[in-house]
Amino acid sequence: MAGSNERGRAFELIVRRTLLNYVVKKRLPTEEAEHSKAREKIETKYFNALDEETQFSFVHGAWAFAKWADEQSWFDNATKMTLDRVPDNKAKERDPTDIRLEITYSDGRQETKNISLKHNHNALCHPRLPSLAQQCGFEKGSKIDKEYRKSYKQIWEKFYAKVKALNEDIETTTELNKKHQKFITKNFYVPMQKNAIHFLGTYANSAKNSAEFFKYLTGNKEYFVVKNELKFIEVKSFSNLTVPSTFKITYPLDGKETTFLIEFDNGWQIAMRLHTASSRLTKSNGTINMTEKEDPICINLKDNVKTEKILK
C-alpha cells in the first residue's frame, strides 16, 4: 500500500500529465523540464500501487483543475507553456510550489502560475523544529539559533534517556505508546512545544520576526493550493497576503498537549500540532533519531484566502 508521501507524489504526476494533455488538445505548444520528466518512472509506480478508487479520484481531480485553470483564462492567447516540477528542497526557501507553469502570451507577456498540491489534508507546510530560529528570520549559526538548537537537542536527549531507563528494549515510538500511553506526551511533546512557544514569545514576537515566521508558514510567493477530495477539489488562492506585526499563543489548544494555537494580528489563526516524523528512536549508527515536525493548520483559512470548490 502506498504511504501518504507516495500518494502525494502520485497525485502530482497525474496533475502534471493532465495539464500537459489538456493544453496539447488546445494546440498550445508545451515543454516539460527534464527533472520533471525524470520523476515519471518512479511516480508511475506510486500511482499503479493505488487502489482503483483513489486512481479514479486523482484523474478526475486533475481534469477538474485543468478545466478550472482554462476557465480562469490561463491559456487564452497563449503561445507556449513550460511545466516544471519544483524540487522538494525549494520548500526550505519558503516556496511551497509543487508545479510551476511559465506561460507566454501572444502580446509578449509572461506569467508564472505556482501550484501546491494536497490530497485530503490542509497543512500549510511541514516545519522541522531544529530550524525554528531560521524560520523566524535569525541567521543559522547565530547565537540565538545555537541557543535554541541546544535546548531542542537537550529535550531529545532527556526523552531518550527516560526511554532507556524503562529497561524494556523499546525501539519505536509505536511500541512505547502501546506500553505507556502518556509517556511520549509528558516527556516529549509537552517540553518540546513549551520550548518552541518560549522561543517564539521571547524572540519572534516583533514586527520583523512575526512577519518572517508567517511568511515561512504560508510561503513567500503567490500560489494556488489544489486540494483533492473524494467528490470535488478545492482551489485556494494565496495572493496579496497581509503580513502580521505580532501574535499571541494559546497552549494547550482545546486540551491537546500536542498542539498550540498562534493567532497573528492579521487575522490568521494557525494550530501547530507536533508529531514524530519517524517511529524509529535510533538511527542505524545507534544515535538518537531526532525527527519530528509541526503540522500547521489554519483553522479560519476560508476567512483569509479565496476558496473555490469545483465538482469533479
C-alpha atoms as a PDB file:
ATOM      1  CA  MET A   1       0.000   0.000   0.000  1.00  0.00           C
ATOM      2  CA  ALA A   2       1.322   3.432  -0.909  1.00  0.00           C
ATOM      3  CA  GLY A   3       2.051   5.760   2.022  1.00  0.00           C
ATOM      4  CA  SER A   4       0.896   9.367   2.255  1.00  0.00           C
ATOM      5  CA  ASN A   5       4.096  10.671   0.665  1.00  0.00           C
ATOM      6  CA  GLU A   6       3.798   8.268  -2.273  1.00  0.00           C
ATOM      7  CA  ARG A   7       0.129   9.140  -2.708  1.00  0.00           C
ATOM      8  CA  GLY A   8       1.015  12.816  -2.830  1.00  0.00           C
ATOM      9  CA  ARG A   9       3.676  12.176  -5.457  1.00  0.00           C
ATOM     10  CA  ALA A  10       1.221  10.113  -7.490  1.00  0.00           C
ATOM     11  CA  PHE A  11      -1.284  12.974  -7.437  1.00  0.00           C
ATOM     12  CA  GLU A  12       1.438  15.380  -8.601  1.00  0.00           C
ATOM     13  CA  LEU A  13       2.200  13.054 -11.507  1.00  0.00           C
ATOM     14  CA  ILE A  14      -1.417  12.893 -12.651  1.00  0.00           C
ATOM     15  CA  VAL A  15      -1.852  16.669 -12.424  1.00  0.00           C
ATOM     16  CA  ARG A  16       1.305  17.219 -14.493  1.00  0.00           C
ATOM     17  CA  ARG A  17       0.199  14.698 -17.124  1.00  0.00           C
ATOM     18  CA  THR A  18      -3.297  16.157 -17.236  1.00  0.00           C
ATOM     19  CA  LEU A  19      -2.188  19.772 -17.620  1.00  0.00           C
ATOM     20  CA  LEU A  20       0.158  18.809 -20.451  1.00  0.00           C
ATOM     21  CA  ASN A  21      -2.511  16.749 -22.227  1.00  0.00           C
ATOM     22  CA  TYR A  22      -5.143  19.448 -21.735  1.00  0.00           C
ATOM     23  CA  VAL A  23      -3.133  22.243 -23.328  1.00  0.00           C
ATOM     24  CA  VAL A  24      -1.975  19.971 -26.166  1.00  0.00           C
ATOM     25  CA  LYS A  25      -5.655  19.495 -27.044  1.00  0.00           C
ATOM     26  CA  LYS A  26      -5.874  23.295 -27.208  1.00  0.00           C
ATOM     27  CA  ARG A  27      -2.935  23.169 -29.663  1.00  0.00           C
ATOM     28  CA  LEU A  28      -0.719  25.102 -27.283  1.00  0.00           C
ATOM     29  CA  PRO A  29       2.994  24.236 -27.649  1.00  0.00           C
ATOM     30  CA  THR A  30       4.312  22.771 -24.392  1.00  0.00           C
ATOM     31  CA  GLU A  31       7.604  21.867 -22.828  1.00  0.00           C
ATOM     32  CA  GLU A  32       8.352  19.868 -19.666  1.00  0.00           C
ATOM     33  CA  ALA A  33      11.511  20.376 -17.614  1.00  0.00           C
ATOM     34  CA  GLU A  34      13.939  17.453 -17.642  1.00  0.00           C
ATOM     35  CA  HIS A  35      13.925  16.857 -13.879  1.00  0.00           C
ATOM     36  CA  SER A  36      10.131  16.752 -14.076  1.00  0.00           C
ATOM     37  CA  LYS A  37      10.317  14.033 -16.734  1.00  0.00           C
ATOM     38  CA  ALA A  38      12.840  12.166 -14.581  1.00  0.00           C
ATOM     39  CA  ARG A  39      10.176  11.632 -11.898  1.00  0.00           C
ATOM     40  CA  GLU A  40       7.820   9.875 -14.318  1.00  0.00           C
ATOM     41  CA  LYS A  41       9.096   6.313 -13.799  1.00  0.00           C
ATOM     42  CA  ILE A  42       9.092   6.205 -10.002  1.00  0.00           C
ATOM     43  CA  GLU A  43       5.870   8.188  -9.609  1.00  0.00           C
ATOM     44  CA  THR A  44       4.107   5.928 -12.129  1.00  0.00           C
ATOM     45  CA  LYS A  45       4.916   3.051  -9.763  1.00  0.00           C
ATOM     46  CA  TYR A  46       3.346   5.009  -6.914  1.00  0.00           C
ATOM     47  CA  PHE A  47       0.206   5.618  -8.962  1.00  0.00           C
ATOM     48  CA  ASN A  48      -0.053   1.973 -10.080  1.00  0.00           C
ATOM     49  CA  ALA A  49       0.146   0.858  -6.436  1.00  0.00           C
ATOM     50  CA  LEU A  50      -3.023   2.781  -5.581  1.00  0.00           C
ATOM     51  CA  ASP A  51      -6.463   1.219  -5.400  1.00  0.00           C
ATOM     52  CA  GLU A  52      -8.815   1.914  -8.307  1.00  0.00           C
ATOM     53  CA  GLU A  53     -10.985   4.324  -6.342  1.00  0.00           C
ATOM     54  CA  THR A  54      -8.002   6.550  -5.480  1.00  0.00           C
ATOM     55  CA  GLN A  55      -6.691   6.403  -9.055  1.00  0.00           C
ATOM     56  CA  PHE A  56     -10.129   7.425 -10.307  1.00  0.00           C
ATOM     57  CA  SER A  57     -10.243  10.273  -7.773  1.00  0.00           C
ATOM     58  CA  PHE A  58      -6.822  11.580  -8.799  1.00  0.00           C
ATOM     59  CA  VAL A  59      -7.563  11.516 -12.525  1.00  0.00           C
ATOM     60  CA  HIS A  60     -10.908  13.291 -12.190  1.00  0.00           C
ATOM     61  CA  GLY A  61      -9.495  15.782  -9.702  1.00  0.00           C
ATOM     62  CA  ALA A  62      -6.673  16.648 -12.089  1.00  0.00           C
ATOM     63  CA  TRP A  63      -9.079  17.159 -15.009  1.00  0.00           C
ATOM     64  CA  ALA A  64     -11.330  19.323 -12.827  1.00  0.00           C
ATOM     65  CA  PHE A  65      -8.348  21.533 -12.024  1.00  0.00           C
ATOM     66  CA  ALA A  66      -7.220  21.770 -15.671  1.00  0.00           C
ATOM     67  CA  LYS A  67     -10.713  22.850 -16.721  1.00  0.00           C
ATOM     68  CA  TRP A  68     -10.837  25.373 -13.864  1.00  0.00           C
ATOM     69  CA  ALA A  69      -7.498  26.858 -14.978  1.00  0.00           C
ATOM     70  CA  ASP A  70      -8.840  27.152 -18.520  1.00  0.00           C
ATOM     71  CA  GLU A  71     -11.947  28.933 -17.225  1.00  0.00           C
ATOM     72  CA  GLN A  72      -9.645  31.462 -15.492  1.00  0.00           C
ATOM     73  CA  SER A  73      -8.223  32.314 -18.956  1.00  0.00           C
ATOM     74  CA  TRP A  74      -4.774  30.964 -18.098  1.00  0.00           C
ATOM     75  CA  PHE A  75      -4.394  29.591 -21.624  1.00  0.00           C
ATOM     76  CA  ASP A  76      -6.212  32.260 -23.652  1.00  0.00           C
ATOM     77  CA  ASN A  77      -3.978  33.751 -26.365  1.00  0.00           C
ATOM     78  CA  ALA A  78      -1.038  31.731 -25.010  1.00  0.00           C
ATOM     79  CA  THR A  79       1.758  30.792 -27.404  1.00  0.00           C
ATOM     80  CA  LYS A  80       3.770  28.453 -25.151  1.00  0.00           C
ATOM     81  CA  MET A  81       3.602  26.725 -21.764  1.00  0.00           C
ATOM     82  CA  THR A  82       6.541  25.281 -19.838  1.00  0.00           C
ATOM     83  CA  LEU A  83       5.813  22.933 -16.943  1.00  0.00           C
ATOM     84  CA  ASP A  84       8.316  22.368 -14.167  1.00  0.00           C
ATOM     85  CA  ARG A  85       8.184  20.122 -11.122  1.00  0.00           C
ATOM     86  CA  VAL A  86       9.761  22.150  -8.338  1.00  0.00           C
ATOM     87  CA  PRO A  87      12.336  20.176  -6.297  1.00  0.00           C
ATOM     88  CA  ASP A  88      11.415  19.444  -2.671  1.00  0.00           C
ATOM     89  CA  ASN A  89      14.363  21.441  -1.299  1.00  0.00           C
ATOM     90  CA  LYS A  90      12.716  24.625  -2.554  1.00  0.00           C
ATOM     91  CA  ALA A  91      10.322  24.318   0.411  1.00  0.00           C
ATOM     92  CA  LYS A  92      13.281  25.342   2.590  1.00  0.00           C
ATOM     93  CA  GLU A  93      13.282  28.626   0.687  1.00  0.00           C
ATOM     94  CA  ARG A  94       9.650  29.268   1.673  1.00  0.00           C
ATOM     95  CA  ASP A  95       8.422  28.181  -1.729  1.00  0.00           C
ATOM     96  CA  PRO A  96       5.502  25.717  -1.371  1.00  0.00           C
ATOM     97  CA  THR A  97       5.234  25.188  -5.148  1.00  0.00           C
ATOM     98  CA  ASP A  98       4.983  21.624  -6.478  1.00  0.00           C
ATOM     99  CA  ILE A  99       4.256  22.506 -10.114  1.00  0.00           C
ATOM    100  CA  ARG A 100       5.237  25.742 -11.834  1.00  0.00           C
ATOM    101  CA  LEU A 101       3.760  26.857 -15.136  1.00  0.00           C
ATOM    102  CA  GLU A 102       5.528  29.504 -17.208  1.00  0.00           C
ATOM    103  CA  ILE A 103       3.055  30.781 -19.805  1.00  0.00           C
ATOM    104  CA  THR A 104       3.958  33.082 -22.703  1.00  0.00           C
ATOM    105  CA  TYR A 105       1.221  35.081 -24.442  1.00  0.00           C
ATOM    106  CA  SER A 106       0.867  36.482 -27.956  1.00  0.00           C
ATOM    107  CA  ASP A 107       1.379  40.054 -26.727  1.00  0.00           C
ATOM    108  CA  GLY A 108       4.771  39.101 -25.240  1.00  0.00           C
ATOM    109  CA  ARG A 109       3.597  38.834 -21.638  1.00  0.00           C
ATOM    110  CA  GLN A 110       4.895  36.035 -19.431  1.00  0.00           C
ATOM    111  CA  GLU A 111       3.035  34.811 -16.372  1.00  0.00           C
ATOM    112  CA  THR A 112       4.009  32.308 -13.697  1.00  0.00           C
ATOM    113  CA  LYS A 113       1.418  30.062 -12.067  1.00  0.00           C
ATOM    114  CA  ASN A 114       2.638  28.330  -8.907  1.00  0.00           C
ATOM    115  CA  ILE A 115       0.626  25.291  -7.800  1.00  0.00           C
ATOM    116  CA  SER A 116       0.809  23.442  -4.485  1.00  0.00           C
ATOM    117  CA  LEU A 117      -0.959  20.078  -4.403  1.00  0.00           C
ATOM    118  CA  LYS A 118      -2.532  18.346  -1.432  1.00  0.00           C
ATOM    119  CA  HIS A 119      -4.500  15.138  -1.023  1.00  0.00           C
ATOM    120  CA  ASN A 120      -7.003  15.142   1.835  1.00  0.00           C
ATOM    121  CA  HIS A 121      -5.079  17.422   4.195  1.00  0.00           C
ATOM    122  CA  ASN A 122      -4.873  21.124   4.970  1.00  0.00           C
ATOM    123  CA  ALA A 123      -1.372  21.550   6.411  1.00  0.00           C
ATOM    124  CA  LEU A 124       0.320  24.719   5.194  1.00  0.00           C
ATOM    125  CA  CYS A 125       3.808  23.191   5.319  1.00  0.00           C
ATOM    126  CA  HIS A 126       5.792  20.767   7.490  1.00  0.00           C
ATOM    127  CA  PRO A 127       8.284  22.800   9.543  1.00  0.00           C
ATOM    128  CA  ARG A 128      11.028  20.929  11.411  1.00  0.00           C
ATOM    129  CA  LEU A 129      11.771  22.258  14.877  1.00  0.00           C
ATOM    130  CA  PRO A 130      15.602  22.420  14.729  1.00  0.00           C
ATOM    131  CA  SER A 131      15.385  25.345  12.281  1.00  0.00           C
ATOM    132  CA  LEU A 132      12.708  27.309  14.172  1.00  0.00           C
ATOM    133  CA  ALA A 133      15.025  30.283  14.712  1.00  0.00           C
ATOM    134  CA  GLN A 134      15.805  30.429  10.991  1.00  0.00           C
ATOM    135  CA  GLN A 135      12.093  30.229  10.190  1.00  0.00           C
ATOM    136  CA  CYS A 136      11.696  33.397  12.256  1.00  0.00           C
ATOM    137  CA  GLY A 137      14.429  35.233  10.368  1.00  0.00           C
ATOM    138  CA  PHE A 138      17.515  34.563  12.509  1.00  0.00           C
ATOM    139  CA  GLU A 139      20.770  33.543  10.823  1.00  0.00           C
ATOM    140  CA  LYS A 140      21.806  29.904  11.015  1.00  0.00           C
ATOM    141  CA  GLY A 141      24.743  29.705  13.398  1.00  0.00           C
ATOM    142  CA  SER A 142      23.824  32.930  15.190  1.00  0.00           C
ATOM    143  CA  LYS A 143      23.840  32.998  18.997  1.00  0.00           C
ATOM    144  CA  ILE A 144      20.047  32.815  19.152  1.00  0.00           C
ATOM    145  CA  ASP A 145      19.949  29.922  16.668  1.00  0.00           C
ATOM    146  CA  LYS A 146      22.629  27.987  18.582  1.00  0.00           C
ATOM    147  CA  GLU A 147      20.912  28.514  21.929  1.00  0.00           C
ATOM    148  CA  TYR A 148      17.601  27.294  20.585  1.00  0.00           C
ATOM    149  CA  ARG A 149      19.154  24.236  18.906  1.00  0.00           C
ATOM    150  CA  LYS A 150      20.915  23.382  22.170  1.00  0.00           C
ATOM    151  CA  SER A 151      17.651  23.428  24.141  1.00  0.00           C
ATOM    152  CA  TYR A 152      15.946  21.400  21.394  1.00  0.00           C
ATOM    153  CA  LYS A 153      18.683  18.746  21.493  1.00  0.00           C
ATOM    154  CA  GLN A 154      18.583  18.541  25.272  1.00  0.00           C
ATOM    155  CA  ILE A 155      14.863  17.685  25.220  1.00  0.00           C
ATOM    156  CA  TRP A 156      15.503  14.827  22.803  1.00  0.00           C
ATOM    157  CA  GLU A 157      18.391  13.537  24.938  1.00  0.00           C
ATOM    158  CA  LYS A 158      16.382  13.680  28.176  1.00  0.00           C
ATOM    159  CA  PHE A 159      13.449  11.949  26.491  1.00  0.00           C
ATOM    160  CA  TYR A 160      15.630   9.146  25.124  1.00  0.00           C
ATOM    161  CA  ALA A 161      17.373   8.707  28.494  1.00  0.00           C
ATOM    162  CA  LYS A 162      13.966   8.191  30.144  1.00  0.00           C
ATOM    163  CA  VAL A 163      13.029   5.629  27.470  1.00  0.00           C
ATOM    164  CA  LYS A 164      16.262   3.699  28.143  1.00  0.00           C
ATOM    165  CA  ALA A 165      15.610   3.896  31.894  1.00  0.00           C
ATOM    166  CA  LEU A 166      12.445   1.809  31.372  1.00  0.00           C
ATOM    167  CA  ASN A 167      14.745  -1.157  30.553  1.00  0.00           C
ATOM    168  CA  GLU A 168      12.199  -2.584  28.111  1.00  0.00           C
ATOM    169  CA  ASP A 169      14.260  -2.655  24.884  1.00  0.00           C
ATOM    170  CA  ILE A 170      11.790  -0.360  23.109  1.00  0.00           C
ATOM    171  CA  GLU A 171      12.862   0.583  19.574  1.00  0.00           C
ATOM    172  CA  THR A 172       9.942   2.649  18.245  1.00  0.00           C
ATOM    173  CA  THR A 173       7.537   5.300  19.445  1.00  0.00           C
ATOM    174  CA  THR A 174       4.730   2.957  18.367  1.00  0.00           C
ATOM    175  CA  GLU A 175       5.896   0.319  20.878  1.00  0.00           C
ATOM    176  CA  LEU A 176       6.412   2.978  23.537  1.00  0.00           C
ATOM    177  CA  ASN A 177       2.913   4.374  23.087  1.00  0.00           C
ATOM    178  CA  LYS A 178       1.333   0.915  23.340  1.00  0.00           C
ATOM    179  CA  LYS A 179       3.074   0.158  26.625  1.00  0.00           C
ATOM    180  CA  HIS A 180       2.997   3.652  28.169  1.00  0.00           C
ATOM    181  CA  GLN A 181       0.238   5.738  26.625  1.00  0.00           C
ATOM    182  CA  LYS A 182       1.048   9.174  28.074  1.00  0.00           C
ATOM    183  CA  PHE A 183       4.824   8.758  28.218  1.00  0.00           C
ATOM    184  CA  ILE A 184       5.574  10.465  24.894  1.00  0.00           C
ATOM    185  CA  THR A 185       3.175  13.323  25.557  1.00  0.00           C
ATOM    186  CA  LYS A 186       4.576  14.027  29.021  1.00  0.00           C
ATOM    187  CA  ASN A 187       8.275  13.592  28.242  1.00  0.00           C
ATOM    188  CA  PHE A 188       8.484  14.769  24.648  1.00  0.00           C
ATOM    189  CA  TYR A 189       5.503  16.651  23.191  1.00  0.00           C
ATOM    190  CA  VAL A 190       4.913  18.916  26.185  1.00  0.00           C
ATOM    191  CA  PRO A 191       8.538  20.013  26.763  1.00  0.00           C
ATOM    192  CA  MET A 192       9.185  20.363  23.025  1.00  0.00           C
ATOM    193  CA  GLN A 193       6.101  22.516  22.457  1.00  0.00           C
ATOM    194  CA  LYS A 194       6.793  24.606  25.548  1.00  0.00           C
ATOM    195  CA  ASN A 195      10.337  25.159  24.305  1.00  0.00           C
ATOM    196  CA  ALA A 196       9.075  26.308  20.901  1.00  0.00           C
ATOM    197  CA  ILE A 197       6.464  28.571  22.498  1.00  0.00           C
ATOM    198  CA  HIS A 198       9.075  30.102  24.822  1.00  0.00           C
ATOM    199  CA  PHE A 199      11.344  30.818  21.866  1.00  0.00           C
ATOM    200  CA  LEU A 200       8.559  32.361  19.785  1.00  0.00           C
ATOM    201  CA  GLY A 201       7.351  34.531  22.656  1.00  0.00           C
ATOM    202  CA  THR A 202      10.850  35.654  23.641  1.00  0.00           C
ATOM    203  CA  TYR A 203      12.484  36.255  20.271  1.00  0.00           C
ATOM    204  CA  ALA A 204       9.900  36.250  17.468  1.00  0.00           C
ATOM    205  CA  ASN A 205       7.022  38.415  18.691  1.00  0.00           C
ATOM    206  CA  SER A 206       8.106  41.548  16.842  1.00  0.00           C
ATOM    207  CA  ALA A 207       7.008  43.114  13.555  1.00  0.00           C
ATOM    208  CA  LYS A 208      10.055  41.782  11.673  1.00  0.00           C
ATOM    209  CA  ASN A 209      10.226  38.284  13.108  1.00  0.00           C
ATOM    210  CA  SER A 210       6.496  37.558  13.276  1.00  0.00           C
ATOM    211  CA  ALA A 211       6.268  38.560   9.608  1.00  0.00           C
ATOM    212  CA  GLU A 212       9.181  36.241   8.780  1.00  0.00           C
ATOM    213  CA  PHE A 213       7.569  33.313  10.609  1.00  0.00           C
ATOM    214  CA  PHE A 214       4.215  33.975   8.958  1.00  0.00           C
ATOM    215  CA  LYS A 215       5.825  34.036   5.511  1.00  0.00           C
ATOM    216  CA  TYR A 216       7.617  30.791   6.324  1.00  0.00           C
ATOM    217  CA  LEU A 217       4.316  29.112   7.212  1.00  0.00           C
ATOM    218  CA  THR A 218       2.305  30.490   4.301  1.00  0.00           C
ATOM    219  CA  GLY A 219       5.005  30.891   1.625  1.00  0.00           C
ATOM    220  CA  ASN A 220       6.680  33.958   0.161  1.00  0.00           C
ATOM    221  CA  LYS A 221       5.289  33.556  -3.360  1.00  0.00           C
ATOM    222  CA  GLU A 222       1.809  33.889  -4.809  1.00  0.00           C
ATOM    223  CA  TYR A 223       0.422  30.418  -5.457  1.00  0.00           C
ATOM    224  CA  PHE A 224      -2.661  28.250  -5.693  1.00  0.00           C
ATOM    225  CA  VAL A 225      -3.327  25.300  -3.400  1.00  0.00           C
ATOM    226  CA  VAL A 226      -5.236  22.466  -5.064  1.00  0.00           C
ATOM    227  CA  LYS A 227      -6.703  20.027  -2.563  1.00  0.00           C
ATOM    228  CA  ASN A 228      -8.165  16.755  -3.803  1.00  0.00           C
ATOM    229  CA  GLU A 229     -11.278  15.396  -2.077  1.00  0.00           C
ATOM    230  CA  LEU A 230     -13.492  12.449  -2.965  1.00  0.00           C
ATOM    231  CA  LYS A 231     -16.147  14.314  -4.987  1.00  0.00           C
ATOM    232  CA  PHE A 232     -14.556  17.722  -5.541  1.00  0.00           C
ATOM    233  CA  ILE A 233     -11.375  19.739  -5.491  1.00  0.00           C
ATOM    234  CA  GLU A 234     -10.721  22.940  -3.580  1.00  0.00           C
ATOM    235  CA  VAL A 235      -8.637  25.705  -5.117  1.00  0.00           C
ATOM    236  CA  LYS A 236      -7.271  28.278  -2.686  1.00  0.00           C
ATOM    237  CA  SER A 237      -5.575  31.466  -3.843  1.00  0.00           C
ATOM    238  CA  PHE A 238      -2.631  32.581  -1.716  1.00  0.00           C
ATOM    239  CA  SER A 239      -2.004  36.077  -3.034  1.00  0.00           C
ATOM    240  CA  ASN A 240      -1.629  39.593  -1.631  1.00  0.00           C
ATOM    241  CA  LEU A 241      -1.462  38.301   1.947  1.00  0.00           C
ATOM    242  CA  THR A 242      -1.142  40.936   4.671  1.00  0.00           C
ATOM    243  CA  VAL A 243       1.802  40.181   6.963  1.00  0.00           C
ATOM    244  CA  PRO A 244       1.358  40.416  10.736  1.00  0.00           C
ATOM    245  CA  SER A 245       3.277  42.512  13.248  1.00  0.00           C
ATOM    246  CA  THR A 246       2.573  40.470  16.375  1.00  0.00           C
ATOM    247  CA  PHE A 247       0.815  37.342  17.644  1.00  0.00           C
ATOM    248  CA  LYS A 248      -0.480  35.582  20.738  1.00  0.00           C
ATOM    249  CA  ILE A 249      -0.229  31.884  21.630  1.00  0.00           C
ATOM    250  CA  THR A 250      -2.685  29.584  23.403  1.00  0.00           C
ATOM    251  CA  TYR A 251      -1.404  26.284  24.818  1.00  0.00           C
ATOM    252  CA  PRO A 252      -2.665  23.642  25.073  1.00  0.00           C
ATOM    253  CA  LEU A 253      -5.311  24.024  22.383  1.00  0.00           C
ATOM    254  CA  ASP A 254      -8.649  22.509  23.405  1.00  0.00           C
ATOM    255  CA  GLY A 255      -6.833  20.347  25.958  1.00  0.00           C
ATOM    256  CA  LYS A 256      -4.493  18.844  23.333  1.00  0.00           C
ATOM    257  CA  GLU A 257      -0.953  18.998  24.698  1.00  0.00           C
ATOM    258  CA  THR A 258       0.483  18.226  21.270  1.00  0.00           C
ATOM    259  CA  THR A 259      -0.947  21.455  19.856  1.00  0.00           C
ATOM    260  CA  PHE A 260      -0.736  25.205  20.350  1.00  0.00           C
ATOM    261  CA  LEU A 261      -2.631  27.987  18.589  1.00  0.00           C
ATOM    262  CA  ILE A 262      -0.828  31.008  17.200  1.00  0.00           C
ATOM    263  CA  GLU A 263      -3.113  33.966  16.417  1.00  0.00           C
ATOM    264  CA  PHE A 264      -1.489  36.607  14.229  1.00  0.00           C
ATOM    265  CA  ASP A 265      -2.838  40.156  14.307  1.00  0.00           C
ATOM    266  CA  ASN A 266      -3.634  39.943  10.558  1.00  0.00           C
ATOM    267  CA  GLY A 267      -6.492  37.546  11.403  1.00  0.00           C
ATOM    268  CA  TRP A 268      -4.765  34.212  10.728  1.00  0.00           C
ATOM    269  CA  GLN A 269      -5.290  31.515  13.367  1.00  0.00           C
ATOM    270  CA  ILE A 270      -2.884  28.601  12.904  1.00  0.00           C
ATOM    271  CA  ALA A 271      -2.922  25.424  15.001  1.00  0.00           C
ATOM    272  CA  MET A 272       0.551  23.876  15.331  1.00  0.00           C
ATOM    273  CA  ARG A 273       0.388  20.126  16.013  1.00  0.00           C
ATOM    274  CA  LEU A 274       3.624  18.321  16.837  1.00  0.00           C
ATOM    275  CA  HIS A 275       4.265  14.680  15.956  1.00  0.00           C
ATOM    276  CA  THR A 276       7.232  12.427  15.290  1.00  0.00           C
ATOM    277  CA  ALA A 277       8.167  12.090  11.619  1.00  0.00           C
ATOM    278  CA  SER A 278       9.635   8.604  12.101  1.00  0.00           C
ATOM    279  CA  SER A 279       8.749   5.922  14.641  1.00  0.00           C
ATOM    280  CA  ARG A 280      12.390   4.762  14.970  1.00  0.00           C
ATOM    281  CA  LEU A 281      14.017   6.014  18.160  1.00  0.00           C
ATOM    282  CA  THR A 282      17.566   5.489  16.891  1.00  0.00           C
ATOM    283  CA  LYS A 283      19.396   5.615  13.587  1.00  0.00           C
ATOM    284  CA  SER A 284      21.322   2.662  12.158  1.00  0.00           C
ATOM    285  CA  ASN A 285      24.502   4.009  13.775  1.00  0.00           C
ATOM    286  CA  GLY A 286      22.872   3.989  17.220  1.00  0.00           C
ATOM    287  CA  THR A 287      22.442   7.761  17.623  1.00  0.00           C
ATOM    288  CA  ILE A 288      19.111   9.305  18.579  1.00  0.00           C
ATOM    289  CA  ASN A 289      16.767   9.691  15.625  1.00  0.00           C
ATOM    290  CA  MET A 290      15.792  13.302  16.226  1.00  0.00           C
ATOM    291  CA  THR A 291      12.956  13.665  13.766  1.00  0.00           C
ATOM    292  CA  GLU A 292       9.678  15.460  14.257  1.00  0.00           C
ATOM    293  CA  LYS A 293       7.597  18.113  12.578  1.00  0.00           C
ATOM    294  CA  GLU A 294       4.781  20.535  13.191  1.00  0.00           C
ATOM    295  CA  ASP A 295       1.622  20.392  11.094  1.00  0.00           C
ATOM    296  CA  PRO A 296       0.353  23.986  10.833  1.00  0.00           C
ATOM    297  CA  ILE A 297      -3.362  24.128  10.023  1.00  0.00           C
ATOM    298  CA  CYS A 298      -5.076  27.477   9.526  1.00  0.00           C
ATOM    299  CA  ILE A 299      -8.395  26.966  11.281  1.00  0.00           C
ATOM    300  CA  ASN A 300     -10.009  30.031   9.669  1.00  0.00           C
ATOM    301  CA  LEU A 301      -8.427  29.741   6.215  1.00  0.00           C
ATOM    302  CA  LYS A 302     -11.635  30.499   4.291  1.00  0.00           C
ATOM    303  CA  ASP A 303     -11.799  33.858   6.048  1.00  0.00           C
ATOM    304  CA  ASN A 304      -8.329  34.743   4.774  1.00  0.00           C
ATOM    305  CA  VAL A 305      -7.985  33.376   1.239  1.00  0.00           C
ATOM    306  CA  LYS A 306     -10.340  32.984  -1.692  1.00  0.00           C
ATOM    307  CA  THR A 307     -11.509  29.353  -1.819  1.00  0.00           C
ATOM    308  CA  GLU A 308     -13.434  27.692  -4.622  1.00  0.00           C
ATOM    309  CA  LYS A 309     -14.976  24.219  -4.607  1.00  0.00           C
ATOM    310  CA  ILE A 310     -15.147  22.506  -8.002  1.00  0.00           C
ATOM    311  CA  LEU A 311     -17.139  19.325  -8.505  1.00  0.00           C
ATOM    312  CA  LYS A 312     -15.423  16.524 -10.415  1.00  0.00           C
END
